[in-house]
Amino acid sequence: MATALPTAQPSADPGTEIARPLRNLYVVRFAFALVWAGVLATHASDLDLLSRTLLVLYPLFDLAAAAYDLRTAGATRHRGALHANIALSLLAAGGLAGVSDTPDALRVWGAWAVAAGAVQLVVALRRRRVGGQLPMVLSGGLSVLAGLGIAGTAGQDDPSLAALAGYATLGGVFFLLSAIRLGRELGGGAA
């Protein structure tokens, strides 16, 4: 028997309809990013089994977050961009699963960060009316720049995955800032 996933119930205010699930999603993304970054930071010097698993896990989590976002009320205007994000995250996870060394991992991650950052920027700009999106606009733009920088570190003498922990931490902070702003716009109501 198939079980349908719950979707957000319509409300009188379309901004609230999407703001509450977005705020909750952003809080979860913040927590995940911080934990992920902390664990990766302890294994950033080697491309061992744990760091490989973490590298694949991050884009898969991003994929799951975009899929959840698709199911929330009000996501219809952003479906194309969210589908693009899902496809990019799936490609990144596959690419990262197949890397043979740290420079390759940095190149794949960097390319994904550029593409996913551009998509995040587009979605955030389209969601301006929802509120709380300025941190997401900044995060998307910075992700593009960071992705270029991360890919560039692949050519260093002793490349490390440490930059990815910093990337995830900063991204998590931007998710938290957006969640706080959305919470304020919702009047601080509980989820």
C-alpha atoms as a PDB file:
ATOM      1  CA  MET A   1       0.000   0.000   0.000  1.00  0.00           C
ATOM      2  CA  ALA A   2       1.420   3.359  -1.033  1.00  0.00           C
ATOM      3  CA  THR A   3       1.538   6.093   1.549  1.00  0.00           C
ATOM      4  CA  ALA A   4       1.323   9.683   0.418  1.00  0.00           C
ATOM      5  CA  LEU A   5       3.703  12.146   2.012  1.00  0.00           C
ATOM      6  CA  PRO A   6       1.956  15.004   3.793  1.00  0.00           C
ATOM      7  CA  THR A   7       1.948  18.349   2.070  1.00  0.00           C
ATOM      8  CA  ALA A   8       1.465  21.754   3.592  1.00  0.00           C
ATOM      9  CA  GLN A   9      -2.158  22.774   3.991  1.00  0.00           C
ATOM     10  CA  PRO A  10      -3.273  25.929   2.194  1.00  0.00           C
ATOM     11  CA  SER A  11      -3.568  29.036   4.315  1.00  0.00           C
ATOM     12  CA  ALA A  12      -5.121  32.414   3.802  1.00  0.00           C
ATOM     13  CA  ASP A  13      -1.690  33.947   3.197  1.00  0.00           C
ATOM     14  CA  PRO A  14       0.340  32.332   0.376  1.00  0.00           C
ATOM     15  CA  GLY A  15       3.553  33.740   1.885  1.00  0.00           C
ATOM     16  CA  THR A  16       2.887  31.924   5.166  1.00  0.00           C
ATOM     17  CA  GLU A  17       1.946  28.798   3.226  1.00  0.00           C
ATOM     18  CA  ILE A  18       5.493  28.419   1.963  1.00  0.00           C
ATOM     19  CA  ALA A  19       7.395  30.346   4.664  1.00  0.00           C
ATOM     20  CA  ARG A  20       6.699  27.878   7.485  1.00  0.00           C
ATOM     21  CA  PRO A  21       7.906  24.736   5.656  1.00  0.00           C
ATOM     22  CA  LEU A  22      10.864  26.678   4.250  1.00  0.00           C
ATOM     23  CA  ARG A  23      11.867  27.866   7.708  1.00  0.00           C
ATOM     24  CA  ASN A  24      11.722  24.311   9.024  1.00  0.00           C
ATOM     25  CA  LEU A  25      13.712  23.016   6.048  1.00  0.00           C
ATOM     26  CA  TYR A  26      16.341  25.714   6.525  1.00  0.00           C
ATOM     27  CA  VAL A  27      16.782  24.815  10.206  1.00  0.00           C
ATOM     28  CA  VAL A  28      17.314  21.153   9.294  1.00  0.00           C
ATOM     29  CA  ARG A  29      19.765  22.137   6.554  1.00  0.00           C
ATOM     30  CA  PHE A  30      21.694  24.309   9.027  1.00  0.00           C
ATOM     31  CA  ALA A  31      22.008  21.456  11.531  1.00  0.00           C
ATOM     32  CA  PHE A  32      23.012  18.938   8.867  1.00  0.00           C
ATOM     33  CA  ALA A  33      25.638  21.274   7.389  1.00  0.00           C
ATOM     34  CA  LEU A  34      27.262  21.902  10.763  1.00  0.00           C
ATOM     35  CA  VAL A  35      27.404  18.237  11.741  1.00  0.00           C
ATOM     36  CA  TRP A  36      28.626  17.245   8.277  1.00  0.00           C
ATOM     37  CA  ALA A  37      31.335  19.925   8.300  1.00  0.00           C
ATOM     38  CA  GLY A  38      32.489  18.940  11.772  1.00  0.00           C
ATOM     39  CA  VAL A  39      32.885  15.297  10.820  1.00  0.00           C
ATOM     40  CA  LEU A  40      34.555  16.087   7.491  1.00  0.00           C
ATOM     41  CA  ALA A  41      37.006  18.465   9.171  1.00  0.00           C
ATOM     42  CA  THR A  42      38.399  15.538  11.162  1.00  0.00           C
ATOM     43  CA  HIS A  43      39.059  13.598   7.927  1.00  0.00           C
ATOM     44  CA  ALA A  44      39.921  16.403   5.508  1.00  0.00           C
ATOM     45  CA  SER A  45      43.502  15.321   4.885  1.00  0.00           C
ATOM     46  CA  ASP A  46      42.663  11.907   3.431  1.00  0.00           C
ATOM     47  CA  LEU A  47      40.177  10.596   0.924  1.00  0.00           C
ATOM     48  CA  ASP A  48      39.312   7.633   3.141  1.00  0.00           C
ATOM     49  CA  LEU A  49      36.050   5.692   3.328  1.00  0.00           C
ATOM     50  CA  LEU A  50      34.442   8.140   5.763  1.00  0.00           C
ATOM     51  CA  SER A  51      35.343  11.246   3.773  1.00  0.00           C
ATOM     52  CA  ARG A  52      34.185   9.581   0.531  1.00  0.00           C
ATOM     53  CA  THR A  53      30.890   8.695   2.181  1.00  0.00           C
ATOM     54  CA  LEU A  54      30.483  12.251   3.443  1.00  0.00           C
ATOM     55  CA  LEU A  55      31.249  13.670  -0.003  1.00  0.00           C
ATOM     56  CA  VAL A  56      28.460  11.598  -1.553  1.00  0.00           C
ATOM     57  CA  LEU A  57      26.075  12.180   1.359  1.00  0.00           C
ATOM     58  CA  TYR A  58      26.071  15.993   1.097  1.00  0.00           C
ATOM     59  CA  PRO A  59      24.653  16.253  -2.442  1.00  0.00           C
ATOM     60  CA  LEU A  60      22.209  13.433  -1.660  1.00  0.00           C
ATOM     61  CA  PHE A  61      20.974  15.453   1.311  1.00  0.00           C
ATOM     62  CA  ASP A  62      20.693  18.482  -0.977  1.00  0.00           C
ATOM     63  CA  LEU A  63      18.666  16.328  -3.373  1.00  0.00           C
ATOM     64  CA  ALA A  64      16.333  15.246  -0.558  1.00  0.00           C
ATOM     65  CA  ALA A  65      15.915  18.860   0.575  1.00  0.00           C
ATOM     66  CA  ALA A  66      14.984  19.939  -2.963  1.00  0.00           C
ATOM     67  CA  ALA A  67      12.512  17.042  -3.208  1.00  0.00           C
ATOM     68  CA  TYR A  68      10.923  18.128   0.084  1.00  0.00           C
ATOM     69  CA  ASP A  69      10.823  21.694  -1.193  1.00  0.00           C
ATOM     70  CA  LEU A  70       8.965  20.466  -4.289  1.00  0.00           C
ATOM     71  CA  ARG A  71       6.287  18.941  -2.065  1.00  0.00           C
ATOM     72  CA  THR A  72       5.655  22.123  -0.105  1.00  0.00           C
ATOM     73  CA  ALA A  73       2.813  24.397  -0.999  1.00  0.00           C
ATOM     74  CA  GLY A  74       3.819  27.291  -3.188  1.00  0.00           C
ATOM     75  CA  ALA A  75       6.756  25.534  -4.847  1.00  0.00           C
ATOM     76  CA  THR A  76       4.962  25.363  -8.198  1.00  0.00           C
ATOM     77  CA  ARG A  77       6.650  28.536  -9.483  1.00  0.00           C
ATOM     78  CA  HIS A  78      10.071  27.050  -8.774  1.00  0.00           C
ATOM     79  CA  ARG A  79       9.551  23.486 -10.000  1.00  0.00           C
ATOM     80  CA  GLY A  80      11.940  23.748 -12.952  1.00  0.00           C
ATOM     81  CA  ALA A  81      14.783  25.119 -10.855  1.00  0.00           C
ATOM     82  CA  LEU A  82      14.162  22.576  -8.087  1.00  0.00           C
ATOM     83  CA  HIS A  83      14.147  19.732 -10.631  1.00  0.00           C
ATOM     84  CA  ALA A  84      17.433  21.100 -12.003  1.00  0.00           C
ATOM     85  CA  ASN A  85      18.844  21.117  -8.465  1.00  0.00           C
ATOM     86  CA  ILE A  86      17.792  17.493  -7.979  1.00  0.00           C
ATOM     87  CA  ALA A  87      19.459  16.470 -11.242  1.00  0.00           C
ATOM     88  CA  LEU A  88      22.640  18.399 -10.420  1.00  0.00           C
ATOM     89  CA  SER A  89      22.821  16.874  -6.940  1.00  0.00           C
ATOM     90  CA  LEU A  90      22.357  13.373  -8.341  1.00  0.00           C
ATOM     91  CA  LEU A  91      25.122  13.969 -10.893  1.00  0.00           C
ATOM     92  CA  ALA A  92      27.389  15.371  -8.183  1.00  0.00           C
ATOM     93  CA  ALA A  93      26.791  12.389  -5.892  1.00  0.00           C
ATOM     94  CA  GLY A  94      27.569  10.006  -8.756  1.00  0.00           C
ATOM     95  CA  GLY A  95      30.649  11.961  -9.737  1.00  0.00           C
ATOM     96  CA  LEU A  96      31.913  12.132  -6.173  1.00  0.00           C
ATOM     97  CA  ALA A  97      31.326   8.403  -5.706  1.00  0.00           C
ATOM     98  CA  GLY A  98      33.671   7.747  -8.609  1.00  0.00           C
ATOM     99  CA  VAL A  99      36.564  10.079  -7.794  1.00  0.00           C
ATOM    100  CA  SER A 100      39.979   8.531  -7.381  1.00  0.00           C
ATOM    101  CA  ASP A 101      41.783  11.294  -5.516  1.00  0.00           C
ATOM    102  CA  THR A 102      41.351  14.557  -3.627  1.00  0.00           C
ATOM    103  CA  PRO A 103      41.972  16.847  -6.640  1.00  0.00           C
ATOM    104  CA  ASP A 104      39.210  15.083  -8.584  1.00  0.00           C
ATOM    105  CA  ALA A 105      36.880  15.386  -5.591  1.00  0.00           C
ATOM    106  CA  LEU A 106      37.584  19.122  -5.389  1.00  0.00           C
ATOM    107  CA  ARG A 107      36.941  19.574  -9.113  1.00  0.00           C
ATOM    108  CA  VAL A 108      33.615  17.723  -8.998  1.00  0.00           C
ATOM    109  CA  TRP A 109      32.534  19.522  -5.817  1.00  0.00           C
ATOM    110  CA  GLY A 110      33.564  22.872  -7.254  1.00  0.00           C
ATOM    111  CA  ALA A 111      31.575  22.316 -10.453  1.00  0.00           C
ATOM    112  CA  TRP A 112      28.539  21.260  -8.421  1.00  0.00           C
ATOM    113  CA  ALA A 113      28.872  24.276  -6.109  1.00  0.00           C
ATOM    114  CA  VAL A 114      28.906  26.622  -9.111  1.00  0.00           C
ATOM    115  CA  ALA A 115      25.848  25.040 -10.743  1.00  0.00           C
ATOM    116  CA  ALA A 116      23.864  24.505  -7.524  1.00  0.00           C
ATOM    117  CA  GLY A 117      24.708  28.020  -6.342  1.00  0.00           C
ATOM    118  CA  ALA A 118      23.342  29.474  -9.572  1.00  0.00           C
ATOM    119  CA  VAL A 119      20.116  27.494  -9.125  1.00  0.00           C
ATOM    120  CA  GLN A 120      19.851  28.576  -5.472  1.00  0.00           C
ATOM    121  CA  LEU A 121      20.277  32.188  -6.539  1.00  0.00           C
ATOM    122  CA  VAL A 122      17.489  31.884  -9.125  1.00  0.00           C
ATOM    123  CA  VAL A 123      15.086  30.229  -6.665  1.00  0.00           C
ATOM    124  CA  ALA A 124      15.822  32.790  -3.936  1.00  0.00           C
ATOM    125  CA  LEU A 125      15.265  35.699  -6.316  1.00  0.00           C
ATOM    126  CA  ARG A 126      11.946  34.201  -7.408  1.00  0.00           C
ATOM    127  CA  ARG A 127      10.927  33.782  -3.757  1.00  0.00           C
ATOM    128  CA  ARG A 128      11.545  37.383  -2.747  1.00  0.00           C
ATOM    129  CA  ARG A 129       7.876  37.900  -1.872  1.00  0.00           C
ATOM    130  CA  VAL A 130       8.048  35.074   0.683  1.00  0.00           C
ATOM    131  CA  GLY A 131      10.650  37.003   2.645  1.00  0.00           C
ATOM    132  CA  GLY A 132      13.819  35.888   4.369  1.00  0.00           C
ATOM    133  CA  GLN A 133      15.540  35.234   1.052  1.00  0.00           C
ATOM    134  CA  LEU A 134      18.393  37.749   1.135  1.00  0.00           C
ATOM    135  CA  PRO A 135      20.694  35.237   2.891  1.00  0.00           C
ATOM    136  CA  MET A 136      19.773  32.664   0.219  1.00  0.00           C
ATOM    137  CA  VAL A 137      20.577  35.157  -2.555  1.00  0.00           C
ATOM    138  CA  LEU A 138      23.957  35.822  -0.941  1.00  0.00           C
ATOM    139  CA  SER A 139      24.541  32.114  -0.356  1.00  0.00           C
ATOM    140  CA  GLY A 140      23.787  31.236  -3.974  1.00  0.00           C
ATOM    141  CA  GLY A 141      26.094  33.927  -5.303  1.00  0.00           C
ATOM    142  CA  LEU A 142      28.876  33.015  -2.891  1.00  0.00           C
ATOM    143  CA  SER A 143      28.465  29.335  -3.753  1.00  0.00           C
ATOM    144  CA  VAL A 144      29.235  30.136  -7.377  1.00  0.00           C
ATOM    145  CA  LEU A 145      32.400  31.985  -6.365  1.00  0.00           C
ATOM    146  CA  ALA A 146      33.380  29.391  -3.759  1.00  0.00           C
ATOM    147  CA  GLY A 147      32.895  26.596  -6.279  1.00  0.00           C
ATOM    148  CA  LEU A 148      35.380  28.250  -8.602  1.00  0.00           C
ATOM    149  CA  GLY A 149      37.815  28.635  -5.712  1.00  0.00           C
ATOM    150  CA  ILE A 150      37.374  25.048  -4.553  1.00  0.00           C
ATOM    151  CA  ALA A 151      37.986  23.700  -8.048  1.00  0.00           C
ATOM    152  CA  GLY A 152      41.065  25.914  -8.231  1.00  0.00           C
ATOM    153  CA  THR A 153      42.543  24.355  -5.083  1.00  0.00           C
ATOM    154  CA  ALA A 154      42.663  20.992  -6.855  1.00  0.00           C
ATOM    155  CA  GLY A 155      45.906  22.076  -8.520  1.00  0.00           C
ATOM    156  CA  GLN A 156      47.718  22.867  -5.273  1.00  0.00           C
ATOM    157  CA  ASP A 157      50.670  20.772  -4.138  1.00  0.00           C
ATOM    158  CA  ASP A 158      48.826  19.207  -1.201  1.00  0.00           C
ATOM    159  CA  PRO A 159      45.074  19.663  -1.805  1.00  0.00           C
ATOM    160  CA  SER A 160      42.752  19.131   1.135  1.00  0.00           C
ATOM    161  CA  LEU A 161      39.033  18.682   1.631  1.00  0.00           C
ATOM    162  CA  ALA A 162      39.124  21.219   4.488  1.00  0.00           C
ATOM    163  CA  ALA A 163      37.694  23.963   2.268  1.00  0.00           C
ATOM    164  CA  LEU A 164      34.547  21.866   1.857  1.00  0.00           C
ATOM    165  CA  ALA A 165      33.952  21.924   5.609  1.00  0.00           C
ATOM    166  CA  GLY A 166      34.185  25.713   5.531  1.00  0.00           C
ATOM    167  CA  TYR A 167      31.888  25.853   2.500  1.00  0.00           C
ATOM    168  CA  ALA A 168      29.259  23.734   4.266  1.00  0.00           C
ATOM    169  CA  THR A 169      29.542  25.719   7.499  1.00  0.00           C
ATOM    170  CA  LEU A 170      29.030  29.042   5.742  1.00  0.00           C
ATOM    171  CA  GLY A 171      26.124  27.599   3.759  1.00  0.00           C
ATOM    172  CA  GLY A 172      24.599  26.349   7.000  1.00  0.00           C
ATOM    173  CA  VAL A 173      24.905  29.788   8.573  1.00  0.00           C
ATOM    174  CA  PHE A 174      23.073  31.306   5.603  1.00  0.00           C
ATOM    175  CA  PHE A 175      20.288  28.723   6.033  1.00  0.00           C
ATOM    176  CA  LEU A 176      20.043  29.640   9.717  1.00  0.00           C
ATOM    177  CA  LEU A 177      19.867  33.362   8.918  1.00  0.00           C
ATOM    178  CA  SER A 178      17.076  32.728   6.419  1.00  0.00           C
ATOM    179  CA  ALA A 179      15.226  30.572   8.948  1.00  0.00           C
ATOM    180  CA  ILE A 180      15.474  33.331  11.560  1.00  0.00           C
ATOM    181  CA  ARG A 181      14.238  35.957   9.109  1.00  0.00           C
ATOM    182  CA  LEU A 182      11.351  33.729   8.024  1.00  0.00           C
ATOM    183  CA  GLY A 183      10.502  33.086  11.681  1.00  0.00           C
ATOM    184  CA  ARG A 184      10.343  36.808  12.355  1.00  0.00           C
ATOM    185  CA  GLU A 185       8.127  37.347   9.341  1.00  0.00           C
ATOM    186  CA  LEU A 186       5.856  34.575  10.585  1.00  0.00           C
ATOM    187  CA  GLY A 187       5.640  36.325  13.936  1.00  0.00           C
ATOM    188  CA  GLY A 188       7.892  33.766  15.593  1.00  0.00           C
ATOM    189  CA  GLY A 189       5.120  31.140  15.451  1.00  0.00           C
ATOM    190  CA  ALA A 190       5.980  27.539  16.183  1.00  0.00           C
ATOM    191  CA  ALA A 191       6.219  25.016  13.391  1.00  0.00           C
END
